[in-house]
Amino acid sequence: MYAIYDLKSKEQCIGIFDYRKDAADYLGIHKDSLSRCIQKKQLIKNRYEIVKIKEE
């Protein structure tokens, strides 16, 4: 699961997605770009933070 936070809107959670592809489609980017941003802890479009939620 993946959560997307909008850091320019007081860190508001704007979506929780089951799959990486769904989160990438929502942001309009490729799923591989999303993975790189998660690994390098980079913001997407200088605004969105992606957090991978561990499933137990």
C-alpha atoms as a PDB file:
ATOM      1  CA  MET A   1       0.000   0.000   0.000  1.00  0.00           C
ATOM      2  CA  TYR A   2       1.105   3.526  -0.763  1.00  0.00           C
ATOM      3  CA  ALA A   3       0.037   6.840   0.773  1.00  0.00           C
ATOM      4  CA  ILE A   4       0.441  10.187  -0.973  1.00  0.00           C
ATOM      5  CA  TYR A   5       0.866  13.353   1.093  1.00  0.00           C
ATOM      6  CA  ASP A   6       0.617  16.902  -0.230  1.00  0.00           C
ATOM      7  CA  LEU A   7       3.337  18.832   1.593  1.00  0.00           C
ATOM      8  CA  LYS A   8       2.145  22.211   0.315  1.00  0.00           C
ATOM      9  CA  SER A   9      -1.263  21.614   1.820  1.00  0.00           C
ATOM     10  CA  LYS A  10      -0.206  21.056   5.438  1.00  0.00           C
ATOM     11  CA  GLU A  11       0.873  17.443   4.815  1.00  0.00           C
ATOM     12  CA  GLN A  12      -2.652  16.363   3.991  1.00  0.00           C
ATOM     13  CA  CYS A  13      -3.061  12.738   2.899  1.00  0.00           C
ATOM     14  CA  ILE A  14      -4.604  12.887  -0.564  1.00  0.00           C
ATOM     15  CA  GLY A  15      -4.795   9.188  -1.288  1.00  0.00           C
ATOM     16  CA  ILE A  16      -4.051   5.643  -0.243  1.00  0.00           C
ATOM     17  CA  PHE A  17      -3.507   3.119  -2.997  1.00  0.00           C
ATOM     18  CA  ASP A  18      -3.135  -0.654  -2.961  1.00  0.00           C
ATOM     19  CA  TYR A  19      -0.766  -0.757  -5.926  1.00  0.00           C
ATOM     20  CA  ARG A  20       2.197   1.312  -7.070  1.00  0.00           C
ATOM     21  CA  LYS A  21       0.715   1.627 -10.563  1.00  0.00           C
ATOM     22  CA  ASP A  22      -2.500   3.144  -9.182  1.00  0.00           C
ATOM     23  CA  ALA A  23      -0.549   5.763  -7.223  1.00  0.00           C
ATOM     24  CA  ALA A  24       1.620   6.549 -10.254  1.00  0.00           C
ATOM     25  CA  ASP A  25      -1.435   6.903 -12.512  1.00  0.00           C
ATOM     26  CA  TYR A  26      -3.029   9.276 -10.003  1.00  0.00           C
ATOM     27  CA  LEU A  27       0.063  11.502 -10.109  1.00  0.00           C
ATOM     28  CA  GLY A  28       0.498  11.167 -13.875  1.00  0.00           C
ATOM     29  CA  ILE A  29       3.948   9.588 -13.736  1.00  0.00           C
ATOM     30  CA  HIS A  30       5.448   6.201 -14.612  1.00  0.00           C
ATOM     31  CA  LYS A  31       5.472   3.570 -11.863  1.00  0.00           C
ATOM     32  CA  ASP A  32       9.279   3.209 -12.146  1.00  0.00           C
ATOM     33  CA  SER A  33       9.663   6.944 -11.462  1.00  0.00           C
ATOM     34  CA  LEU A  34       7.486   6.524  -8.403  1.00  0.00           C
ATOM     35  CA  SER A  35       9.698   3.685  -7.162  1.00  0.00           C
ATOM     36  CA  ARG A  36      12.860   5.775  -7.583  1.00  0.00           C
ATOM     37  CA  CYS A  37      11.327   8.654  -5.645  1.00  0.00           C
ATOM     38  CA  ILE A  38      10.368   6.310  -2.816  1.00  0.00           C
ATOM     39  CA  GLN A  39      13.863   4.780  -2.669  1.00  0.00           C
ATOM     40  CA  LYS A  40      15.643   8.142  -2.759  1.00  0.00           C
ATOM     41  CA  LYS A  41      13.048   9.840  -0.525  1.00  0.00           C
ATOM     42  CA  GLN A  42      12.463  12.558  -3.120  1.00  0.00           C
ATOM     43  CA  LEU A  43       9.349  14.630  -3.595  1.00  0.00           C
ATOM     44  CA  ILE A  44       7.298  14.232  -6.737  1.00  0.00           C
ATOM     45  CA  LYS A  45       6.637  17.487  -8.564  1.00  0.00           C
ATOM     46  CA  ASN A  46       8.308  19.264  -5.599  1.00  0.00           C
ATOM     47  CA  ARG A  47       5.128  18.712  -3.652  1.00  0.00           C
ATOM     48  CA  TYR A  48       4.066  15.109  -3.069  1.00  0.00           C
ATOM     49  CA  GLU A  49       5.639  12.653  -0.664  1.00  0.00           C
ATOM     50  CA  ILE A  50       5.006   8.951  -1.210  1.00  0.00           C
ATOM     51  CA  VAL A  51       5.110   6.611   1.760  1.00  0.00           C
ATOM     52  CA  LYS A  52       5.064   2.850   1.427  1.00  0.00           C
ATOM     53  CA  ILE A  53       2.842   1.359   4.110  1.00  0.00           C
ATOM     54  CA  LYS A  54       4.041  -1.977   5.415  1.00  0.00           C
ATOM     55  CA  GLU A  55       1.495  -4.729   5.411  1.00  0.00           C
ATOM     56  CA  GLU A  56       1.708  -7.276   8.183  1.00  0.00           C
END
